Amino acid sequence: MNLRHANVYSGLNLNQDKATKPQTVQIVRQGEATLYWFKFNPL
């Protein structure tokens, strides 16, 4: 989970520009929320 999230985050940073930044921020926040959820609700 953590490795996959890191890979997605790196890819977004590489492709980030002013046009995609709002979407990037939303995706990153969603990913952080998912990590936070998994921390308290391990599978």
N, C-alpha and C. Protein backbone atom coordinates (compact mmCIF):
# COMPACT_ATOMS: atom_id res chain seq x y z
N MET A 1 0.84 -1.20 0.00
CA MET A 1 0.00 0.00 0.00
C MET A 1 0.88 1.25 0.00
N ASN A 2 1.84 1.30 0.92
CA ASN A 2 2.70 2.48 1.01
C ASN A 2 3.54 2.67 -0.24
N LEU A 3 4.10 1.56 -0.77
CA LEU A 3 4.94 1.65 -1.96
C LEU A 3 4.13 2.12 -3.15
N ARG A 4 2.95 1.57 -3.31
CA ARG A 4 2.09 1.96 -4.43
C ARG A 4 1.74 3.45 -4.33
N HIS A 5 1.41 3.90 -3.14
CA HIS A 5 1.06 5.31 -2.92
C HIS A 5 2.26 6.20 -3.26
N ALA A 6 3.45 5.77 -2.87
CA ALA A 6 4.65 6.55 -3.15
C ALA A 6 4.88 6.65 -4.65
N ASN A 7 4.66 5.56 -5.37
CA ASN A 7 4.85 5.57 -6.82
C ASN A 7 3.86 6.51 -7.49
N VAL A 8 2.62 6.48 -7.06
CA VAL A 8 1.60 7.36 -7.63
C VAL A 8 1.96 8.82 -7.35
N TYR A 9 2.38 9.08 -6.13
CA TYR A 9 2.73 10.45 -5.73
C TYR A 9 3.90 10.97 -6.56
N SER A 10 4.92 10.12 -6.78
CA SER A 10 6.08 10.52 -7.58
C SER A 10 5.66 10.83 -9.01
N GLY A 11 4.81 9.98 -9.57
CA GLY A 11 4.35 10.20 -10.94
C GLY A 11 3.58 11.50 -11.07
N LEU A 12 2.74 11.80 -10.09
CA LEU A 12 1.97 13.04 -10.13
C LEU A 12 2.91 14.25 -10.05
N ASN A 13 3.92 14.16 -9.21
CA ASN A 13 4.86 15.28 -9.09
C ASN A 13 5.59 15.53 -10.40
N LEU A 14 5.98 14.45 -11.09
CA LEU A 14 6.72 14.60 -12.34
C LEU A 14 5.86 15.26 -13.41
N ASN A 15 4.56 14.97 -13.39
CA ASN A 15 3.67 15.46 -14.44
C ASN A 15 2.88 16.69 -14.02
N GLN A 16 3.21 17.24 -12.87
CA GLN A 16 2.41 18.33 -12.30
C GLN A 16 2.66 19.65 -13.03
N ASP A 17 1.58 20.34 -13.36
CA ASP A 17 1.68 21.70 -13.86
C ASP A 17 0.44 22.47 -13.41
N LYS A 18 0.32 23.73 -13.78
CA LYS A 18 -0.78 24.55 -13.28
C LYS A 18 -2.15 24.02 -13.69
N ALA A 19 -2.21 23.36 -14.86
CA ALA A 19 -3.49 22.86 -15.35
C ALA A 19 -3.97 21.66 -14.53
N THR A 20 -3.03 20.82 -14.08
CA THR A 20 -3.41 19.59 -13.40
C THR A 20 -3.27 19.68 -11.89
N LYS A 21 -2.75 20.79 -11.40
CA LYS A 21 -2.48 20.89 -9.97
C LYS A 21 -3.72 20.67 -9.10
N PRO A 22 -4.86 21.28 -9.38
CA PRO A 22 -6.04 21.04 -8.53
C PRO A 22 -6.41 19.56 -8.45
N GLN A 23 -6.36 18.88 -9.60
CA GLN A 23 -6.68 17.45 -9.62
C GLN A 23 -5.64 16.66 -8.84
N THR A 24 -4.37 17.04 -9.00
CA THR A 24 -3.29 16.37 -8.28
C THR A 24 -3.49 16.49 -6.78
N VAL A 25 -3.79 17.69 -6.32
CA VAL A 25 -3.99 17.91 -4.89
C VAL A 25 -5.14 17.04 -4.39
N GLN A 26 -6.21 16.96 -5.16
CA GLN A 26 -7.35 16.15 -4.75
C GLN A 26 -6.97 14.68 -4.65
N ILE A 27 -6.22 14.18 -5.64
CA ILE A 27 -5.81 12.77 -5.62
C ILE A 27 -4.89 12.50 -4.44
N VAL A 28 -3.95 13.41 -4.20
CA VAL A 28 -3.01 13.23 -3.10
C VAL A 28 -3.75 13.22 -1.77
N ARG A 29 -4.69 14.14 -1.60
CA ARG A 29 -5.46 14.18 -0.35
C ARG A 29 -6.27 12.90 -0.18
N GLN A 30 -6.83 12.39 -1.28
CA GLN A 30 -7.60 11.15 -1.21
C GLN A 30 -6.68 10.00 -0.79
N GLY A 31 -5.47 9.99 -1.33
CA GLY A 31 -4.49 8.96 -0.97
C GLY A 31 -4.11 9.04 0.50
N GLU A 32 -3.91 10.26 0.99
CA GLU A 32 -3.57 10.44 2.40
C GLU A 32 -4.71 9.97 3.29
N ALA A 33 -5.94 10.27 2.89
CA ALA A 33 -7.10 9.83 3.66
C ALA A 33 -7.17 8.31 3.69
N THR A 34 -6.83 7.68 2.56
CA THR A 34 -6.83 6.22 2.49
C THR A 34 -5.78 5.64 3.43
N LEU A 35 -4.58 6.21 3.41
CA LEU A 35 -3.53 5.74 4.31
C LEU A 35 -3.96 5.92 5.76
N TYR A 36 -4.59 7.03 6.06
CA TYR A 36 -5.06 7.31 7.41
C TYR A 36 -6.10 6.28 7.83
N TRP A 37 -7.00 5.93 6.90
CA TRP A 37 -8.04 4.94 7.18
C TRP A 37 -7.41 3.58 7.45
N PHE A 38 -6.44 3.20 6.62
CA PHE A 38 -5.80 1.89 6.80
C PHE A 38 -5.04 1.82 8.12
N LYS A 39 -4.53 2.95 8.57
CA LYS A 39 -3.79 2.97 9.84
C LYS A 39 -4.69 2.53 10.99
N PHE A 40 -5.95 2.92 10.94
CA PHE A 40 -6.88 2.60 12.02
C PHE A 40 -7.78 1.40 11.71
N ASN A 41 -7.77 0.96 10.45
CA ASN A 41 -8.60 -0.18 10.06
C ASN A 41 -7.79 -1.16 9.23
N PRO A 42 -6.78 -1.81 9.84
CA PRO A 42 -5.94 -2.75 9.09
C PRO A 42 -6.77 -3.90 8.56
N LEU A 43 -6.45 -4.35 7.37
CA LEU A 43 -7.20 -5.45 6.76
C LEU A 43 -6.84 -6.77 7.44
